[in-house]
Amino acid sequence: MPLYAKPIDHLIEALTRLPGIGKKTASRLAFYILRSSPIEAQELARAILDVKEKIRLCSLCFNLTDEDPCGICQDEHRIQETLCIVEGPNDLMAIENTGEYKGR
């Protein structure tokens, strides 16, 4: 006999597929979602769907964006001739958060 109702088990299983999320954390998250209001749950679901539907690569720099070209490439105050090559989006965010780099 299953410990939880099928929808709860399904949610826990889906959450365990996220990196770094084990069964215990997935259970905590599932029960948090279960206790949240329908509006909060819908906002979470919509945010996940929006990322999958709207995020794409910038045609100029391959940054993750919802507009093409991305905000960095659109910024006329940036030095167009200076490029910074990064491994991934997290590296780009780290550089952008310093506020010091003025190129693309």
PDB file of N, CA and C in Angstrom:
ATOM      1  N   MET A   1       0.845  -1.188   0.000  1.00  0.00           N
ATOM      2  CA  MET A   1       0.000   0.000   0.000  1.00  0.00           C
ATOM      3  C   MET A   1       0.889   1.249   0.000  1.00  0.00           C
ATOM      4  N   PRO A   2       0.634   2.190  -0.929  1.00  0.00           N
ATOM      5  CA  PRO A   2       1.447   3.404  -1.012  1.00  0.00           C
ATOM      6  C   PRO A   2       1.299   4.266   0.239  1.00  0.00           C
ATOM      7  N   LEU A   3       2.382   4.938   0.591  1.00  0.00           N
ATOM      8  CA  LEU A   3       2.386   5.807   1.770  1.00  0.00           C
ATOM      9  C   LEU A   3       1.550   7.070   1.533  1.00  0.00           C
ATOM     10  N   TYR A   4       1.658   7.647   0.332  1.00  0.00           N
ATOM     11  CA  TYR A   4       0.934   8.874   0.003  1.00  0.00           C
ATOM     12  C   TYR A   4      -0.007   8.627  -1.172  1.00  0.00           C
ATOM     13  N   ALA A   5      -0.934   9.556  -1.347  1.00  0.00           N
ATOM     14  CA  ALA A   5      -1.813   9.509  -2.516  1.00  0.00           C
ATOM     15  C   ALA A   5      -0.961   9.657  -3.781  1.00  0.00           C
ATOM     16  N   LYS A   6      -1.436   9.097  -4.882  1.00  0.00           N
ATOM     17  CA  LYS A   6      -0.670   9.086  -6.133  1.00  0.00           C
ATOM     18  C   LYS A   6      -0.194  10.475  -6.580  1.00  0.00           C
ATOM     19  N   PRO A   7      -1.041  11.515  -6.519  1.00  0.00           N
ATOM     20  CA  PRO A   7      -0.554  12.830  -6.947  1.00  0.00           C
ATOM     21  C   PRO A   7       0.616  13.347  -6.099  1.00  0.00           C
ATOM     22  N   ILE A   8       0.595  13.051  -4.803  1.00  0.00           N
ATOM     23  CA  ILE A   8       1.698  13.467  -3.935  1.00  0.00           C
ATOM     24  C   ILE A   8       2.955  12.678  -4.286  1.00  0.00           C
ATOM     25  N   ASP A   9       2.826  11.377  -4.451  1.00  0.00           N
ATOM     26  CA  ASP A   9       3.968  10.547  -4.866  1.00  0.00           C
ATOM     27  C   ASP A   9       4.545  11.033  -6.191  1.00  0.00           C
ATOM     28  N   HIS A  10       3.669  11.363  -7.119  1.00  0.00           N
ATOM     29  CA  HIS A  10       4.122  11.833  -8.433  1.00  0.00           C
ATOM     30  C   HIS A  10       4.900  13.144  -8.309  1.00  0.00           C
ATOM     31  N   LEU A  11       4.403  14.063  -7.479  1.00  0.00           N
ATOM     32  CA  LEU A  11       5.081  15.343  -7.265  1.00  0.00           C
ATOM     33  C   LEU A  11       6.444  15.120  -6.611  1.00  0.00           C
ATOM     34  N   ILE A  12       6.504  14.264  -5.600  1.00  0.00           N
ATOM     35  CA  ILE A  12       7.775  13.965  -4.936  1.00  0.00           C
ATOM     36  C   ILE A  12       8.761  13.376  -5.935  1.00  0.00           C
ATOM     37  N   GLU A  13       8.300  12.442  -6.740  1.00  0.00           N
ATOM     38  CA  GLU A  13       9.164  11.824  -7.748  1.00  0.00           C
ATOM     39  C   GLU A  13       9.674  12.866  -8.745  1.00  0.00           C
ATOM     40  N   ALA A  14       8.805  13.764  -9.174  1.00  0.00           N
ATOM     41  CA  ALA A  14       9.207  14.810 -10.126  1.00  0.00           C
ATOM     42  C   ALA A  14      10.240  15.743  -9.497  1.00  0.00           C
ATOM     43  N   LEU A  15      10.047  16.098  -8.247  1.00  0.00           N
ATOM     44  CA  LEU A  15      10.984  16.997  -7.566  1.00  0.00           C
ATOM     45  C   LEU A  15      12.348  16.342  -7.341  1.00  0.00           C
ATOM     46  N   THR A  16      12.379  15.029  -7.146  1.00  0.00           N
ATOM     47  CA  THR A  16      13.670  14.350  -6.941  1.00  0.00           C
ATOM     48  C   THR A  16      14.518  14.348  -8.207  1.00  0.00           C
ATOM     49  N   ARG A  17      13.937  14.647  -9.351  1.00  0.00           N
ATOM     50  CA  ARG A  17      14.706  14.719 -10.595  1.00  0.00           C
ATOM     51  C   ARG A  17      15.490  16.016 -10.713  1.00  0.00           C
ATOM     52  N   LEU A  18      15.188  16.986  -9.848  1.00  0.00           N
ATOM     53  CA  LEU A  18      15.943  18.235  -9.838  1.00  0.00           C
ATOM     54  C   LEU A  18      17.309  17.998  -9.207  1.00  0.00           C
ATOM     55  N   PRO A  19      18.360  18.656  -9.708  1.00  0.00           N
ATOM     56  CA  PRO A  19      19.697  18.422  -9.163  1.00  0.00           C
ATOM     57  C   PRO A  19      19.785  18.830  -7.689  1.00  0.00           C
ATOM     58  N   GLY A  20      20.372  17.968  -6.897  1.00  0.00           N
ATOM     59  CA  GLY A  20      20.579  18.253  -5.486  1.00  0.00           C
ATOM     60  C   GLY A  20      19.361  18.036  -4.609  1.00  0.00           C
ATOM     61  N   ILE A  21      18.274  17.542  -5.167  1.00  0.00           N
ATOM     62  CA  ILE A  21      17.044  17.333  -4.398  1.00  0.00           C
ATOM     63  C   ILE A  21      16.857  15.839  -4.182  1.00  0.00           C
ATOM     64  N   GLY A  22      17.002  15.436  -2.931  1.00  0.00           N
ATOM     65  CA  GLY A  22      16.761  14.042  -2.571  1.00  0.00           C
ATOM     66  C   GLY A  22      15.315  13.830  -2.171  1.00  0.00           C
ATOM     67  N   LYS A  23      15.014  12.622  -1.785  1.00  0.00           N
ATOM     68  CA  LYS A  23      13.634  12.256  -1.429  1.00  0.00           C
ATOM     69  C   LYS A  23      13.110  13.081  -0.239  1.00  0.00           C
ATOM     70  N   LYS A  24      13.959  13.291   0.765  1.00  0.00           N
ATOM     71  CA  LYS A  24      13.525  14.029   1.956  1.00  0.00           C
ATOM     72  C   LYS A  24      13.190  15.491   1.611  1.00  0.00           C
ATOM     73  N   THR A  25      14.066  16.146   0.873  1.00  0.00           N
ATOM     74  CA  THR A  25      13.812  17.528   0.472  1.00  0.00           C
ATOM     75  C   THR A  25      12.622  17.604  -0.474  1.00  0.00           C
ATOM     76  N   ALA A  26      12.525  16.658  -1.397  1.00  0.00           N
ATOM     77  CA  ALA A  26      11.392  16.628  -2.318  1.00  0.00           C
ATOM     78  C   ALA A  26      10.077  16.485  -1.553  1.00  0.00           C
ATOM     79  N   SER A  27      10.075  15.672  -0.512  1.00  0.00           N
ATOM     80  CA  SER A  27       8.863  15.517   0.311  1.00  0.00           C
ATOM     81  C   SER A  27       8.511  16.828   0.998  1.00  0.00           C
ATOM     82  N   ARG A  28       9.526  17.510   1.547  1.00  0.00           N
ATOM     83  CA  ARG A  28       9.279  18.798   2.200  1.00  0.00           C
ATOM     84  C   ARG A  28       8.696  19.802   1.213  1.00  0.00           C
ATOM     85  N   LEU A  29       9.294  19.860   0.025  1.00  0.00           N
ATOM     86  CA  LEU A  29       8.796  20.783  -0.994  1.00  0.00           C
ATOM     87  C   LEU A  29       7.378  20.421  -1.432  1.00  0.00           C
ATOM     88  N   ALA A  30       7.118  19.156  -1.605  1.00  0.00           N
ATOM     89  CA  ALA A  30       5.784  18.717  -2.025  1.00  0.00           C
ATOM     90  C   ALA A  30       4.733  19.116  -0.992  1.00  0.00           C
ATOM     91  N   PHE A  31       5.047  18.925   0.275  1.00  0.00           N
ATOM     92  CA  PHE A  31       4.062  19.282   1.303  1.00  0.00           C
ATOM     93  C   PHE A  31       3.944  20.789   1.471  1.00  0.00           C
ATOM     94  N   TYR A  32       5.017  21.523   1.195  1.00  0.00           N
ATOM     95  CA  TYR A  32       4.920  22.981   1.189  1.00  0.00           C
ATOM     96  C   TYR A  32       3.962  23.417   0.080  1.00  0.00           C
ATOM     97  N   ILE A  33       4.136  22.844  -1.115  1.00  0.00           N
ATOM     98  CA  ILE A  33       3.256  23.167  -2.240  1.00  0.00           C
ATOM     99  C   ILE A  33       1.820  22.784  -1.920  1.00  0.00           C
ATOM    100  N   LEU A  34       1.635  21.645  -1.287  1.00  0.00           N
ATOM    101  CA  LEU A  34       0.293  21.183  -0.921  1.00  0.00           C
ATOM    102  C   LEU A  34      -0.374  22.153   0.053  1.00  0.00           C
ATOM    103  N   ARG A  35       0.392  22.711   0.989  1.00  0.00           N
ATOM    104  CA  ARG A  35      -0.151  23.651   1.976  1.00  0.00           C
ATOM    105  C   ARG A  35      -0.335  25.053   1.407  1.00  0.00           C
ATOM    106  N   SER A  36       0.337  25.375   0.297  1.00  0.00           N
ATOM    107  CA  SER A  36       0.248  26.720  -0.257  1.00  0.00           C
ATOM    108  C   SER A  36      -1.126  26.941  -0.888  1.00  0.00           C
ATOM    109  N   SER A  37      -1.408  28.202  -1.126  1.00  0.00           N
ATOM    110  CA  SER A  37      -2.704  28.526  -1.735  1.00  0.00           C
ATOM    111  C   SER A  37      -2.700  28.091  -3.200  1.00  0.00           C
ATOM    112  N   PRO A  38      -3.881  27.902  -3.769  1.00  0.00           N
ATOM    113  CA  PRO A  38      -3.937  27.571  -5.201  1.00  0.00           C
ATOM    114  C   PRO A  38      -3.246  28.625  -6.075  1.00  0.00           C
ATOM    115  N   ILE A  39      -3.338  29.887  -5.686  1.00  0.00           N
ATOM    116  CA  ILE A  39      -2.709  30.959  -6.461  1.00  0.00           C
ATOM    117  C   ILE A  39      -1.189  30.811  -6.426  1.00  0.00           C
ATOM    118  N   GLU A  40      -0.629  30.519  -5.250  1.00  0.00           N
ATOM    119  CA  GLU A  40       0.828  30.327  -5.142  1.00  0.00           C
ATOM    120  C   GLU A  40       1.288  29.129  -5.974  1.00  0.00           C
ATOM    121  N   ALA A  41       0.535  28.060  -5.933  1.00  0.00           N
ATOM    122  CA  ALA A  41       0.884  26.868  -6.711  1.00  0.00           C
ATOM    123  C   ALA A  41       0.800  27.163  -8.211  1.00  0.00           C
ATOM    124  N   GLN A  42      -0.205  27.916  -8.617  1.00  0.00           N
ATOM    125  CA  GLN A  42      -0.338  28.289 -10.024  1.00  0.00           C
ATOM    126  C   GLN A  42       0.798  29.205 -10.464  1.00  0.00           C
ATOM    127  N   GLU A  43       1.224  30.121  -9.580  1.00  0.00           N
ATOM    128  CA  GLU A  43       2.342  31.009  -9.904  1.00  0.00           C
ATOM    129  C   GLU A  43       3.628  30.217 -10.101  1.00  0.00           C
ATOM    130  N   LEU A  44       3.859  29.222  -9.257  1.00  0.00           N
ATOM    131  CA  LEU A  44       5.034  28.369  -9.399  1.00  0.00           C
ATOM    132  C   LEU A  44       4.971  27.592 -10.714  1.00  0.00           C
ATOM    133  N   ALA A  45       3.828  26.998 -10.981  1.00  0.00           N
ATOM    134  CA  ALA A  45       3.661  26.239 -12.225  1.00  0.00           C
ATOM    135  C   ALA A  45       3.831  27.145 -13.444  1.00  0.00           C
ATOM    136  N   ARG A  46       3.287  28.344 -13.406  1.00  0.00           N
ATOM    137  CA  ARG A  46       3.401  29.285 -14.511  1.00  0.00           C
ATOM    138  C   ARG A  46       4.851  29.722 -14.700  1.00  0.00           C
ATOM    139  N   ALA A  47       5.577  29.956 -13.608  1.00  0.00           N
ATOM    140  CA  ALA A  47       6.978  30.355 -13.708  1.00  0.00           C
ATOM    141  C   ALA A  47       7.806  29.268 -14.386  1.00  0.00           C
ATOM    142  N   ILE A  48       7.550  28.025 -14.060  1.00  0.00           N
ATOM    143  CA  ILE A  48       8.262  26.907 -14.689  1.00  0.00           C
ATOM    144  C   ILE A  48       7.923  26.839 -16.174  1.00  0.00           C
ATOM    145  N   LEU A  49       6.643  26.942 -16.503  1.00  0.00           N
ATOM    146  CA  LEU A  49       6.232  26.898 -17.907  1.00  0.00           C
ATOM    147  C   LEU A  49       6.766  28.093 -18.698  1.00  0.00           C
ATOM    148  N   ASP A  50       6.775  29.285 -18.076  1.00  0.00           N
ATOM    149  CA  ASP A  50       7.290  30.477 -18.755  1.00  0.00           C
ATOM    150  C   ASP A  50       8.760  30.303 -19.126  1.00  0.00           C
ATOM    151  N   VAL A  51       9.543  29.744 -18.228  1.00  0.00           N
ATOM    152  CA  VAL A  51      10.961  29.518 -18.511  1.00  0.00           C
ATOM    153  C   VAL A  51      11.116  28.583 -19.700  1.00  0.00           C
ATOM    154  N   LYS A  52      10.336  27.519 -19.725  1.00  0.00           N
ATOM    155  CA  LYS A  52      10.437  26.555 -20.817  1.00  0.00           C
ATOM    156  C   LYS A  52       9.929  27.131 -22.133  1.00  0.00           C
ATOM    157  N   GLU A  53       8.910  27.973 -22.087  1.00  0.00           N
ATOM    158  CA  GLU A  53       8.298  28.497 -23.308  1.00  0.00           C
ATOM    159  C   GLU A  53       8.970  29.754 -23.845  1.00  0.00           C
ATOM    160  N   LYS A  54       9.503  30.604 -22.965  1.00  0.00           N
ATOM    161  CA  LYS A  54       9.939  31.930 -23.387  1.00  0.00           C
ATOM    162  C   LYS A  54      11.450  32.134 -23.448  1.00  0.00           C
ATOM    163  N   ILE A  55      12.212  31.332 -22.751  1.00  0.00           N
ATOM    164  CA  ILE A  55      13.656  31.552 -22.719  1.00  0.00           C
ATOM    165  C   ILE A  55      14.314  30.891 -23.922  1.00  0.00           C
ATOM    166  N   ARG A  56      15.181  31.652 -24.583  1.00  0.00           N
ATOM    167  CA  ARG A  56      15.927  31.147 -25.734  1.00  0.00           C
ATOM    168  C   ARG A  56      17.317  31.773 -25.697  1.00  0.00           C
ATOM    169  N   LEU A  57      18.136  31.457 -26.680  1.00  0.00           N
ATOM    170  CA  LEU A  57      19.483  32.001 -26.755  1.00  0.00           C
ATOM    171  C   LEU A  57      19.492  33.269 -27.595  1.00  0.00           C
ATOM    172  N   CYS A  58      20.235  34.257 -27.140  1.00  0.00           N
ATOM    173  CA  CYS A  58      20.430  35.483 -27.906  1.00  0.00           C
ATOM    174  C   CYS A  58      21.157  35.123 -29.203  1.00  0.00           C
ATOM    175  N   SER A  59      20.714  35.680 -30.300  1.00  0.00           N
ATOM    176  CA  SER A  59      21.314  35.363 -31.597  1.00  0.00           C
ATOM    177  C   SER A  59      22.715  35.955 -31.762  1.00  0.00           C
ATOM    178  N   LEU A  60      23.093  36.894 -30.905  1.00  0.00           N
ATOM    179  CA  LEU A  60      24.411  37.509 -30.997  1.00  0.00           C
ATOM    180  C   LEU A  60      25.421  36.901 -30.031  1.00  0.00           C
ATOM    181  N   CYS A  61      25.025  36.719 -28.775  1.00  0.00           N
ATOM    182  CA  CYS A  61      26.003  36.280 -27.763  1.00  0.00           C
ATOM    183  C   CYS A  61      25.669  34.934 -27.129  1.00  0.00           C
ATOM    184  N   PHE A  62      24.522  34.404 -27.427  1.00  0.00           N
ATOM    185  CA  PHE A  62      24.054  33.122 -26.892  1.00  0.00           C
ATOM    186  C   PHE A  62      23.736  33.161 -25.399  1.00  0.00           C
ATOM    187  N   ASN A  63      23.474  34.349 -24.874  1.00  0.00           N
ATOM    188  CA  ASN A  63      23.004  34.492 -23.503  1.00  0.00           C
ATOM    189  C   ASN A  63      21.557  34.000 -23.443  1.00  0.00           C
ATOM    190  N   LEU A  64      21.137  33.523 -22.283  1.00  0.00           N
ATOM    191  CA  LEU A  64      19.734  33.151 -22.097  1.00  0.00           C
ATOM    192  C   LEU A  64      18.907  34.425 -22.007  1.00  0.00           C
ATOM    193  N   THR A  65      17.822  34.482 -22.770  1.00  0.00           N
ATOM    194  CA  THR A  65      17.034  35.704 -22.830  1.00  0.00           C
ATOM    195  C   THR A  65      15.591  35.412 -23.209  1.00  0.00           C
ATOM    196  N   ASP A  66      14.737  36.384 -22.971  1.00  0.00           N
ATOM    197  CA  ASP A  66      13.359  36.290 -23.448  1.00  0.00           C
ATOM    198  C   ASP A  66      13.101  37.296 -24.560  1.00  0.00           C
ATOM    199  N   GLU A  67      14.167  38.015 -24.966  1.00  0.00           N
ATOM    200  CA  GLU A  67      14.082  38.941 -26.083  1.00  0.00           C
ATOM    201  C   GLU A  67      15.361  38.804 -26.907  1.00  0.00           C
ATOM    202  N   ASP A  68      15.268  39.103 -28.199  1.00  0.00           N
ATOM    203  CA  ASP A  68      16.429  38.921 -29.055  1.00  0.00           C
ATOM    204  C   ASP A  68      16.672  40.182 -29.865  1.00  0.00           C
ATOM    205  N   PRO A  69      17.803  40.825 -29.738  1.00  0.00           N
ATOM    206  CA  PRO A  69      18.935  40.432 -28.907  1.00  0.00           C
ATOM    207  C   PRO A  69      18.670  40.687 -27.424  1.00  0.00           C
ATOM    208  N   CYS A  70      19.530  40.100 -26.595  1.00  0.00           N
ATOM    209  CA  CYS A  70      19.359  40.199 -25.136  1.00  0.00           C
ATOM    210  C   CYS A  70      19.627  41.629 -24.663  1.00  0.00           C
ATOM    211  N   GLY A  71      19.326  41.887 -23.419  1.00  0.00           N
ATOM    212  CA  GLY A  71      19.513  43.220 -22.844  1.00  0.00           C
ATOM    213  C   GLY A  71      20.955  43.689 -22.873  1.00  0.00           C
ATOM    214  N   ILE A  72      21.892  42.783 -22.708  1.00  0.00           N
ATOM    215  CA  ILE A  72      23.305  43.159 -22.752  1.00  0.00           C
ATOM    216  C   ILE A  72      23.670  43.618 -24.165  1.00  0.00           C
ATOM    217  N   CYS A  73      23.275  42.860 -25.158  1.00  0.00           N
ATOM    218  CA  CYS A  73      23.583  43.223 -26.548  1.00  0.00           C
ATOM    219  C   CYS A  73      22.846  44.485 -26.995  1.00  0.00           C
ATOM    220  N   GLN A  74      21.699  44.771 -26.409  1.00  0.00           N
ATOM    221  CA  GLN A  74      20.930  45.971 -26.755  1.00  0.00           C
ATOM    222  C   GLN A  74      21.485  47.232 -26.111  1.00  0.00           C
ATOM    223  N   ASP A  75      22.258  47.080 -25.048  1.00  0.00           N
ATOM    224  CA  ASP A  75      22.756  48.218 -24.274  1.00  0.00           C
ATOM    225  C   ASP A  75      23.773  49.014 -25.093  1.00  0.00           C
ATOM    226  N   GLU A  76      23.394  50.213 -25.508  1.00  0.00           N
ATOM    227  CA  GLU A  76      24.253  51.061 -26.334  1.00  0.00           C
ATOM    228  C   GLU A  76      25.434  51.637 -25.566  1.00  0.00           C
ATOM    229  N   HIS A  77      25.388  51.571 -24.242  1.00  0.00           N
ATOM    230  CA  HIS A  77      26.474  52.116 -23.419  1.00  0.00           C
ATOM    231  C   HIS A  77      27.622  51.121 -23.232  1.00  0.00           C
ATOM    232  N   ARG A  78      27.450  49.915 -23.696  1.00  0.00           N
ATOM    233  CA  ARG A  78      28.505  48.906 -23.573  1.00  0.00           C
ATOM    234  C   ARG A  78      29.519  49.061 -24.694  1.00  0.00           C
ATOM    235  N   ILE A  79      30.733  48.639 -24.391  1.00  0.00           N
ATOM    236  CA  ILE A  79      31.805  48.679 -25.379  1.00  0.00           C
ATOM    237  C   ILE A  79      31.611  47.489 -26.307  1.00  0.00           C
ATOM    238  N   GLN A  80      31.213  47.752 -27.541  1.00  0.00           N
ATOM    239  CA  GLN A  80      30.862  46.703 -28.490  1.00  0.00           C
ATOM    240  C   GLN A  80      32.063  45.864 -28.920  1.00  0.00           C
ATOM    241  N   GLU A  81      33.253  46.443 -28.905  1.00  0.00           N
ATOM    242  CA  GLU A  81      34.445  45.748 -29.384  1.00  0.00           C
ATOM    243  C   GLU A  81      35.073  44.844 -28.330  1.00  0.00           C
ATOM    244  N   THR A  82      34.611  44.909 -27.092  1.00  0.00           N
ATOM    245  CA  THR A  82      35.187  44.121 -26.004  1.00  0.00           C
ATOM    246  C   THR A  82      34.234  42.988 -25.647  1.00  0.00           C
ATOM    247  N   LEU A  83      34.728  41.774 -25.776  1.00  0.00           N
ATOM    248  CA  LEU A  83      33.910  40.599 -25.474  1.00  0.00           C
ATOM    249  C   LEU A  83      34.490  39.833 -24.298  1.00  0.00           C
ATOM    250  N   CYS A  84      33.628  39.269 -23.508  1.00  0.00           N
ATOM    251  CA  CYS A  84      34.031  38.395 -22.406  1.00  0.00           C
ATOM    252  C   CYS A  84      33.421  37.027 -22.684  1.00  0.00           C
ATOM    253  N   ILE A  85      34.265  36.035 -22.805  1.00  0.00           N
ATOM    254  CA  ILE A  85      33.803  34.674 -23.085  1.00  0.00           C
ATOM    255  C   ILE A  85      33.649  33.949 -21.749  1.00  0.00           C
ATOM    256  N   VAL A  86      32.466  33.405 -21.516  1.00  0.00           N
ATOM    257  CA  VAL A  86      32.198  32.685 -20.270  1.00  0.00           C
ATOM    258  C   VAL A  86      31.725  31.271 -20.594  1.00  0.00           C
ATOM    259  N   GLU A  87      31.830  30.397 -19.606  1.00  0.00           N
ATOM    260  CA  GLU A  87      31.430  29.010 -19.818  1.00  0.00           C
ATOM    261  C   GLU A  87      29.918  28.839 -19.808  1.00  0.00           C
ATOM    262  N   GLY A  88      29.229  29.559 -18.937  1.00  0.00           N
ATOM    263  CA  GLY A  88      27.792  29.366 -18.836  1.00  0.00           C
ATOM    264  C   GLY A  88      27.079  30.573 -18.252  1.00  0.00           C
ATOM    265  N   PRO A  89      25.752  30.513 -18.198  1.00  0.00           N
ATOM    266  CA  PRO A  89      24.945  31.641 -17.699  1.00  0.00           C
ATOM    267  C   PRO A  89      25.273  32.043 -16.267  1.00  0.00           C
ATOM    268  N   ASN A  90      25.628  31.087 -15.412  1.00  0.00           N
ATOM    269  CA  ASN A  90      25.961  31.437 -14.029  1.00  0.00           C
ATOM    270  C   ASN A  90      27.206  32.311 -13.964  1.00  0.00           C
ATOM    271  N   ASP A  91      28.180  32.025 -14.841  1.00  0.00           N
ATOM    272  CA  ASP A  91      29.394  32.836 -14.888  1.00  0.00           C
ATOM    273  C   ASP A  91      29.069  34.251 -15.368  1.00  0.00           C
ATOM    274  N   LEU A  92      28.204  34.351 -16.354  1.00  0.00           N
ATOM    275  CA  LEU A  92      27.788  35.651 -16.863  1.00  0.00           C
ATOM    276  C   LEU A  92      27.123  36.463 -15.757  1.00  0.00           C
ATOM    277  N   MET A  93      26.250  35.821 -14.987  1.00  0.00           N
ATOM    278  CA  MET A  93      25.547  36.531 -13.913  1.00  0.00           C
ATOM    279  C   MET A  93      26.524  37.015 -12.847  1.00  0.00           C
ATOM    280  N   ALA A  94      27.544  36.210 -12.546  1.00  0.00           N
ATOM    281  CA  ALA A  94      28.545  36.607 -11.551  1.00  0.00           C
ATOM    282  C   ALA A  94      29.280  37.866 -12.012  1.00  0.00           C
ATOM    283  N   ILE A  95      29.650  37.907 -13.288  1.00  0.00           N
ATOM    284  CA  ILE A  95      30.347  39.074 -13.832  1.00  0.00           C
ATOM    285  C   ILE A  95      29.411  40.290 -13.856  1.00  0.00           C
ATOM    286  N   GLU A  96      28.189  40.093 -14.299  1.00  0.00           N
ATOM    287  CA  GLU A  96      27.221  41.196 -14.366  1.00  0.00           C
ATOM    288  C   GLU A  96      26.911  41.769 -12.989  1.00  0.00           C
ATOM    289  N   ASN A  97      26.872  40.910 -11.981  1.00  0.00           N
ATOM    290  CA  ASN A  97      26.550  41.371 -10.626  1.00  0.00           C
ATOM    291  C   ASN A  97      27.617  42.278 -10.042  1.00  0.00           C
ATOM    292  N   THR A  98      28.845  42.231 -10.574  1.00  0.00           N
ATOM    293  CA  THR A  98      29.898  43.131 -10.086  1.00  0.00           C
ATOM    294  C   THR A  98      29.634  44.564 -10.545  1.00  0.00           C
ATOM    295  N   GLY A  99      28.966  44.738 -11.695  1.00  0.00           N
ATOM    296  CA  GLY A  99      28.704  46.054 -12.233  1.00  0.00           C
ATOM    297  C   GLY A  99      29.932  46.724 -12.821  1.00  0.00           C
ATOM    298  N   GLU A 100      31.034  46.002 -12.922  1.00  0.00           N
ATOM    299  CA  GLU A 100      32.293  46.578 -13.377  1.00  0.00           C
ATOM    300  C   GLU A 100      32.555  46.363 -14.865  1.00  0.00           C
ATOM    301  N   TYR A 101      32.098  45.253 -15.429  1.00  0.00           N
ATOM    302  CA  TYR A 101      32.403  44.954 -16.813  1.00  0.00           C
ATOM    303  C   TYR A 101      31.498  45.749 -17.731  1.00  0.00           C
ATOM    304  N   LYS A 102      32.080  46.441 -18.706  1.00  0.00           N
ATOM    305  CA  LYS A 102      31.308  47.327 -19.574  1.00  0.00           C
ATOM    306  C   LYS A 102      31.242  46.841 -21.015  1.00  0.00           C
ATOM    307  N   GLY A 103      31.841  45.697 -21.320  1.00  0.00           N
ATOM    308  CA  GLY A 103      31.792  45.159 -22.685  1.00  0.00           C
ATOM    309  C   GLY A 103      30.603  44.239 -22.849  1.00  0.00           C
ATOM    310  N   ARG A 104      30.694  43.400 -23.914  1.00  0.00           N
ATOM    311  CA  ARG A 104      29.649  42.422 -24.168  1.00  0.00           C
ATOM    312  C   ARG A 104      30.204  41.057 -23.873  1.00  0.00           C
TER     313      ARG A 104
END
